[in-house]
Amino acid sequence: TMASSSSSSNLTERRGIPGAQFVEDVQTYLTQLGLDVNSALAFLQERLQQYKVVEMKLLAQQRELQAKIPDIEKCLDVVATLQAKKGTGEELIADFEVSEGIYSRASIEETDSVCLWLGANVMLEYSLEEATALLQKNLDNARASLEVLVADLLFLRDQTTITQVTIARVYNWDVHNRRTQQVAATAIAQE
């Protein structure tokens, strides 16, 4: 029908997260979905749980990125320091972690290259310029991903709030309907 197609066009989606429909009129909402009150409440509760699962995943990704960005910035600083020392004849003294909580001091002579961990036990050697470019690209990508994640979380929280309001409205509508029917039945019984 025309009404149901217009209501479904109001639903938005953001990167696979389904949008929640704000319900103006509970009766129309139930009719469009073809559900009774209990089925609608069950559907909405399930959607709410799905939102919570997605939120947990997004928050974990956000924490991961928030930890990754400072690491990339530190690597960029180290490469910049190596470039700054280049041609000065000065050696660079650095403390590095050998194992968790165990550090060693090293003297780094002038160098044109640096090795970067790429993950999955892979390390590659890059010139200082290539390393700077790669790290800067990784930093820009991580910051952009973090922005998208924050926007996803804001969208998700809005959908959660809309769904919670809808649950309350459907429940309250049902309570009101039952009372109205009860009053009507009592009035007929008294006649």
C-alpha atoms as a PDB file:
ATOM      1  CA  THR A   1       0.000   0.000   0.000  1.00  0.00           C
ATOM      2  CA  MET A   2       0.936   3.626  -0.376  1.00  0.00           C
ATOM      3  CA  ALA A   3       1.052   4.215   3.394  1.00  0.00           C
ATOM      4  CA  SER A   4       3.462   1.366   4.100  1.00  0.00           C
ATOM      5  CA  SER A   5       5.784   2.317   1.251  1.00  0.00           C
ATOM      6  CA  SER A   6       5.963   5.913   2.471  1.00  0.00           C
ATOM      7  CA  SER A   7       6.703   4.789   6.040  1.00  0.00           C
ATOM      8  CA  SER A   8       9.498   2.457   4.894  1.00  0.00           C
ATOM      9  CA  SER A   9      11.106   5.317   2.962  1.00  0.00           C
ATOM     10  CA  ASN A  10      11.336   7.219   6.278  1.00  0.00           C
ATOM     11  CA  LEU A  11      13.625   4.492   7.625  1.00  0.00           C
ATOM     12  CA  THR A  12      17.251   5.323   7.083  1.00  0.00           C
ATOM     13  CA  GLU A  13      20.299   3.158   7.312  1.00  0.00           C
ATOM     14  CA  ARG A  14      23.874   4.012   8.110  1.00  0.00           C
ATOM     15  CA  ARG A  15      26.602   1.567   7.162  1.00  0.00           C
ATOM     16  CA  GLY A  16      24.398  -1.472   7.758  1.00  0.00           C
ATOM     17  CA  ILE A  17      22.750  -0.113  10.904  1.00  0.00           C
ATOM     18  CA  PRO A  18      18.991  -0.066  10.316  1.00  0.00           C
ATOM     19  CA  GLY A  19      17.179   3.130  11.184  1.00  0.00           C
ATOM     20  CA  ALA A  20      14.392   3.210  13.735  1.00  0.00           C
ATOM     21  CA  GLN A  21      11.004   4.539  12.760  1.00  0.00           C
ATOM     22  CA  PHE A  22       9.509   7.225  14.991  1.00  0.00           C
ATOM     23  CA  VAL A  23       5.918   6.193  15.649  1.00  0.00           C
ATOM     24  CA  GLU A  24       3.364   9.004  15.561  1.00  0.00           C
ATOM     25  CA  ASP A  25       0.284   6.778  15.665  1.00  0.00           C
ATOM     26  CA  VAL A  26       0.614   3.376  17.321  1.00  0.00           C
ATOM     27  CA  GLN A  27      -2.560   1.944  15.731  1.00  0.00           C
ATOM     28  CA  THR A  28      -1.339   2.843  12.220  1.00  0.00           C
ATOM     29  CA  TYR A  29       2.113   1.462  13.048  1.00  0.00           C
ATOM     30  CA  LEU A  30       0.679  -1.885  14.189  1.00  0.00           C
ATOM     31  CA  THR A  31      -1.615  -2.079  11.171  1.00  0.00           C
ATOM     32  CA  GLN A  32       1.234  -1.331   8.744  1.00  0.00           C
ATOM     33  CA  LEU A  33       3.432  -3.996  10.318  1.00  0.00           C
ATOM     34  CA  GLY A  34       0.507  -6.400  10.594  1.00  0.00           C
ATOM     35  CA  LEU A  35       1.453  -7.146  14.198  1.00  0.00           C
ATOM     36  CA  ASP A  36      -0.374  -7.310  17.487  1.00  0.00           C
ATOM     37  CA  VAL A  37       0.989  -5.438  20.508  1.00  0.00           C
ATOM     38  CA  ASN A  38       2.998  -8.369  21.933  1.00  0.00           C
ATOM     39  CA  SER A  39       4.599  -9.178  18.585  1.00  0.00           C
ATOM     40  CA  ALA A  40       5.468  -5.523  18.005  1.00  0.00           C
ATOM     41  CA  LEU A  41       7.014  -5.245  21.484  1.00  0.00           C
ATOM     42  CA  ALA A  42       9.004  -8.441  20.912  1.00  0.00           C
ATOM     43  CA  PHE A  43      10.240  -7.105  17.550  1.00  0.00           C
ATOM     44  CA  LEU A  44      11.242  -3.773  19.120  1.00  0.00           C
ATOM     45  CA  GLN A  45      13.012  -5.465  22.061  1.00  0.00           C
ATOM     46  CA  GLU A  46      14.942  -7.655  19.629  1.00  0.00           C
ATOM     47  CA  ARG A  47      15.933  -4.580  17.593  1.00  0.00           C
ATOM     48  CA  LEU A  48      17.069  -2.878  20.802  1.00  0.00           C
ATOM     49  CA  GLN A  49      19.282  -5.877  21.624  1.00  0.00           C
ATOM     50  CA  GLN A  50      20.739  -5.782  18.096  1.00  0.00           C
ATOM     51  CA  TYR A  51      21.580  -2.113  18.581  1.00  0.00           C
ATOM     52  CA  LYS A  52      23.319  -2.926  21.865  1.00  0.00           C
ATOM     53  CA  VAL A  53      25.436  -5.654  20.219  1.00  0.00           C
ATOM     54  CA  VAL A  54      26.439  -3.306  17.395  1.00  0.00           C
ATOM     55  CA  GLU A  55      27.238  -0.571  19.922  1.00  0.00           C
ATOM     56  CA  MET A  56      29.569  -2.924  21.825  1.00  0.00           C
ATOM     57  CA  LYS A  57      31.412  -3.770  18.585  1.00  0.00           C
ATOM     58  CA  LEU A  58      31.711  -0.112  17.595  1.00  0.00           C
ATOM     59  CA  LEU A  59      32.963   0.873  21.058  1.00  0.00           C
ATOM     60  CA  ALA A  60      35.618  -1.873  20.866  1.00  0.00           C
ATOM     61  CA  GLN A  61      36.730  -0.580  17.443  1.00  0.00           C
ATOM     62  CA  GLN A  62      36.791   2.958  18.827  1.00  0.00           C
ATOM     63  CA  ARG A  63      39.006   1.918  21.761  1.00  0.00           C
ATOM     64  CA  GLU A  64      41.316   0.091  19.352  1.00  0.00           C
ATOM     65  CA  LEU A  65      41.690   3.148  17.121  1.00  0.00           C
ATOM     66  CA  GLN A  66      42.138   5.473  20.085  1.00  0.00           C
ATOM     67  CA  ALA A  67      45.040   3.282  21.211  1.00  0.00           C
ATOM     68  CA  LYS A  68      46.476   2.930  17.680  1.00  0.00           C
ATOM     69  CA  ILE A  69      46.620   6.653  16.863  1.00  0.00           C
ATOM     70  CA  PRO A  70      49.143   7.568  19.611  1.00  0.00           C
ATOM     71  CA  ASP A  71      51.319   4.594  18.560  1.00  0.00           C
ATOM     72  CA  ILE A  72      51.419   5.821  14.958  1.00  0.00           C
ATOM     73  CA  GLU A  73      52.184   9.361  16.167  1.00  0.00           C
ATOM     74  CA  LYS A  74      55.103   8.006  18.264  1.00  0.00           C
ATOM     75  CA  CYS A  75      56.459   6.149  15.229  1.00  0.00           C
ATOM     76  CA  LEU A  76      56.220   9.321  13.160  1.00  0.00           C
ATOM     77  CA  ASP A  77      58.120  11.195  15.878  1.00  0.00           C
ATOM     78  CA  VAL A  78      60.888   8.555  15.898  1.00  0.00           C
ATOM     79  CA  VAL A  79      61.260   8.685  12.108  1.00  0.00           C
ATOM     80  CA  ALA A  80      61.304  12.512  12.239  1.00  0.00           C
ATOM     81  CA  THR A  81      64.030  12.349  14.918  1.00  0.00           C
ATOM     82  CA  LEU A  82      66.087   9.972  12.763  1.00  0.00           C
ATOM     83  CA  GLN A  83      65.716  12.345   9.805  1.00  0.00           C
ATOM     84  CA  ALA A  84      66.705  15.335  11.957  1.00  0.00           C
ATOM     85  CA  LYS A  85      69.866  13.549  13.187  1.00  0.00           C
ATOM     86  CA  LYS A  86      70.825  12.587   9.632  1.00  0.00           C
ATOM     87  CA  GLY A  87      74.023  14.304   8.515  1.00  0.00           C
ATOM     88  CA  THR A  88      74.836  15.686  11.985  1.00  0.00           C
ATOM     89  CA  GLY A  89      77.206  12.873  12.940  1.00  0.00           C
ATOM     90  CA  GLU A  90      75.407  12.593  16.275  1.00  0.00           C
ATOM     91  CA  GLU A  91      74.360   9.174  17.428  1.00  0.00           C
ATOM     92  CA  LEU A  92      70.896   8.654  18.845  1.00  0.00           C
ATOM     93  CA  ILE A  93      70.527   6.941  22.208  1.00  0.00           C
ATOM     94  CA  ALA A  94      67.203   5.147  22.613  1.00  0.00           C
ATOM     95  CA  ASP A  95      65.571   2.835  25.118  1.00  0.00           C
ATOM     96  CA  PHE A  96      63.487   0.124  23.496  1.00  0.00           C
ATOM     97  CA  GLU A  97      61.263  -2.620  24.848  1.00  0.00           C
ATOM     98  CA  VAL A  98      62.787  -6.070  24.437  1.00  0.00           C
ATOM     99  CA  SER A  99      59.965  -7.876  26.157  1.00  0.00           C
ATOM    100  CA  GLU A 100      57.020  -6.788  28.255  1.00  0.00           C
ATOM    101  CA  GLY A 101      58.470  -4.542  30.942  1.00  0.00           C
ATOM    102  CA  ILE A 102      62.108  -5.226  29.936  1.00  0.00           C
ATOM    103  CA  TYR A 103      64.009  -2.436  28.195  1.00  0.00           C
ATOM    104  CA  SER A 104      67.457  -2.086  26.709  1.00  0.00           C
ATOM    105  CA  ARG A 105      69.469   0.954  25.667  1.00  0.00           C
ATOM    106  CA  ALA A 106      70.750   1.205  22.116  1.00  0.00           C
ATOM    107  CA  SER A 107      72.951   3.564  20.214  1.00  0.00           C
ATOM    108  CA  ILE A 108      71.514   4.207  16.739  1.00  0.00           C
ATOM    109  CA  GLU A 109      73.975   5.352  14.130  1.00  0.00           C
ATOM    110  CA  GLU A 110      72.968   7.489  11.177  1.00  0.00           C
ATOM    111  CA  THR A 111      70.585   5.551   8.949  1.00  0.00           C
ATOM    112  CA  ASP A 112      68.681   5.988   5.706  1.00  0.00           C
ATOM    113  CA  SER A 113      66.056   3.363   6.487  1.00  0.00           C
ATOM    114  CA  VAL A 114      63.815   2.057   9.205  1.00  0.00           C
ATOM    115  CA  CYS A 115      61.891  -1.210   9.698  1.00  0.00           C
ATOM    116  CA  LEU A 116      58.171  -1.041  10.409  1.00  0.00           C
ATOM    117  CA  TRP A 117      55.907  -3.760  11.770  1.00  0.00           C
ATOM    118  CA  LEU A 118      52.996  -4.200   9.388  1.00  0.00           C
ATOM    119  CA  GLY A 119      51.187  -6.758  11.524  1.00  0.00           C
ATOM    120  CA  ALA A 120      50.800 -10.536  11.318  1.00  0.00           C
ATOM    121  CA  ASN A 121      54.526 -10.897  12.181  1.00  0.00           C
ATOM    122  CA  VAL A 122      55.551  -8.982   9.056  1.00  0.00           C
ATOM    123  CA  MET A 123      58.235  -6.313   9.137  1.00  0.00           C
ATOM    124  CA  LEU A 124      59.463  -4.359   6.122  1.00  0.00           C
ATOM    125  CA  GLU A 125      62.338  -1.963   5.641  1.00  0.00           C
ATOM    126  CA  TYR A 126      61.494   1.501   4.300  1.00  0.00           C
ATOM    127  CA  SER A 127      63.511   4.592   3.536  1.00  0.00           C
ATOM    128  CA  LEU A 128      62.873   7.340   6.084  1.00  0.00           C
ATOM    129  CA  GLU A 129      60.803   9.255   3.503  1.00  0.00           C
ATOM    130  CA  GLU A 130      58.716   6.185   2.589  1.00  0.00           C
ATOM    131  CA  ALA A 131      58.205   5.370   6.267  1.00  0.00           C
ATOM    132  CA  THR A 132      57.033   8.934   6.960  1.00  0.00           C
ATOM    133  CA  ALA A 133      54.606   8.802   4.019  1.00  0.00           C
ATOM    134  CA  LEU A 134      53.247   5.371   5.044  1.00  0.00           C
ATOM    135  CA  LEU A 135      52.856   6.313   8.698  1.00  0.00           C
ATOM    136  CA  GLN A 136      51.186   9.617   7.821  1.00  0.00           C
ATOM    137  CA  LYS A 137      48.764   7.783   5.514  1.00  0.00           C
ATOM    138  CA  ASN A 138      48.011   5.264   8.291  1.00  0.00           C
ATOM    139  CA  LEU A 139      47.475   8.109  10.766  1.00  0.00           C
ATOM    140  CA  ASP A 140      45.104   9.939   8.392  1.00  0.00           C
ATOM    141  CA  ASN A 141      43.172   6.716   7.752  1.00  0.00           C
ATOM    142  CA  ALA A 142      42.923   5.936  11.481  1.00  0.00           C
ATOM    143  CA  ARG A 143      41.658   9.458  12.251  1.00  0.00           C
ATOM    144  CA  ALA A 144      39.119   9.280   9.396  1.00  0.00           C
ATOM    145  CA  SER A 145      37.941   5.849  10.605  1.00  0.00           C
ATOM    146  CA  LEU A 146      37.573   7.216  14.127  1.00  0.00           C
ATOM    147  CA  GLU A 147      35.414  10.087  12.830  1.00  0.00           C
ATOM    148  CA  VAL A 148      33.172   7.613  10.987  1.00  0.00           C
ATOM    149  CA  LEU A 149      32.921   5.425  14.098  1.00  0.00           C
ATOM    150  CA  VAL A 150      31.930   8.392  16.258  1.00  0.00           C
ATOM    151  CA  ALA A 151      29.235   9.328  13.718  1.00  0.00           C
ATOM    152  CA  ASP A 152      28.055   5.683  13.643  1.00  0.00           C
ATOM    153  CA  LEU A 153      27.808   5.666  17.444  1.00  0.00           C
ATOM    154  CA  LEU A 154      25.804   8.907  17.466  1.00  0.00           C
ATOM    155  CA  PHE A 155      23.440   7.497  14.827  1.00  0.00           C
ATOM    156  CA  LEU A 156      23.127   4.252  16.779  1.00  0.00           C
ATOM    157  CA  ARG A 157      22.339   6.059  20.031  1.00  0.00           C
ATOM    158  CA  ASP A 158      19.606   8.037  18.264  1.00  0.00           C
ATOM    159  CA  GLN A 159      18.111   4.803  16.910  1.00  0.00           C
ATOM    160  CA  THR A 160      18.266   3.243  20.368  1.00  0.00           C
ATOM    161  CA  THR A 161      16.462   6.227  21.895  1.00  0.00           C
ATOM    162  CA  ILE A 162      13.784   6.197  19.171  1.00  0.00           C
ATOM    163  CA  THR A 163      13.258   2.461  19.700  1.00  0.00           C
ATOM    164  CA  GLN A 164      12.991   2.882  23.488  1.00  0.00           C
ATOM    165  CA  VAL A 165      10.431   5.677  23.007  1.00  0.00           C
ATOM    166  CA  THR A 166       8.480   3.493  20.564  1.00  0.00           C
ATOM    167  CA  ILE A 167       8.429   0.610  23.057  1.00  0.00           C
ATOM    168  CA  ALA A 168       7.072   2.962  25.722  1.00  0.00           C
ATOM    169  CA  ARG A 169       4.457   4.383  23.331  1.00  0.00           C
ATOM    170  CA  VAL A 170       3.248   0.944  22.188  1.00  0.00           C
ATOM    171  CA  TYR A 171       3.085  -0.280  25.794  1.00  0.00           C
ATOM    172  CA  ASN A 172       1.241   2.851  27.001  1.00  0.00           C
ATOM    173  CA  TRP A 173      -1.140   2.699  24.039  1.00  0.00           C
ATOM    174  CA  ASP A 174      -1.924  -0.924  24.911  1.00  0.00           C
ATOM    175  CA  VAL A 175      -2.535  -0.095  28.591  1.00  0.00           C
ATOM    176  CA  HIS A 176      -4.817   2.803  27.581  1.00  0.00           C
ATOM    177  CA  ASN A 177      -6.725   0.568  25.124  1.00  0.00           C
ATOM    178  CA  ARG A 178      -7.226  -2.154  27.729  1.00  0.00           C
ATOM    179  CA  ARG A 179      -8.528   0.370  30.266  1.00  0.00           C
ATOM    180  CA  THR A 180     -10.900   1.864  27.691  1.00  0.00           C
ATOM    181  CA  GLN A 181     -12.197  -1.623  26.814  1.00  0.00           C
ATOM    182  CA  GLN A 182     -12.533  -2.484  30.500  1.00  0.00           C
ATOM    183  CA  VAL A 183     -14.511   0.710  31.193  1.00  0.00           C
ATOM    184  CA  ALA A 184     -16.736   0.032  28.164  1.00  0.00           C
ATOM    185  CA  ALA A 185     -17.300  -3.588  29.256  1.00  0.00           C
ATOM    186  CA  THR A 186     -18.121  -2.454  32.799  1.00  0.00           C
ATOM    187  CA  ALA A 187     -20.579   0.150  31.454  1.00  0.00           C
ATOM    188  CA  ILE A 188     -22.329  -2.481  29.267  1.00  0.00           C
ATOM    189  CA  ALA A 189     -22.480  -4.929  32.177  1.00  0.00           C
ATOM    190  CA  GLN A 190     -24.110  -2.308  34.404  1.00  0.00           C
ATOM    191  CA  GLU A 191     -26.850  -1.487  31.854  1.00  0.00           C
END
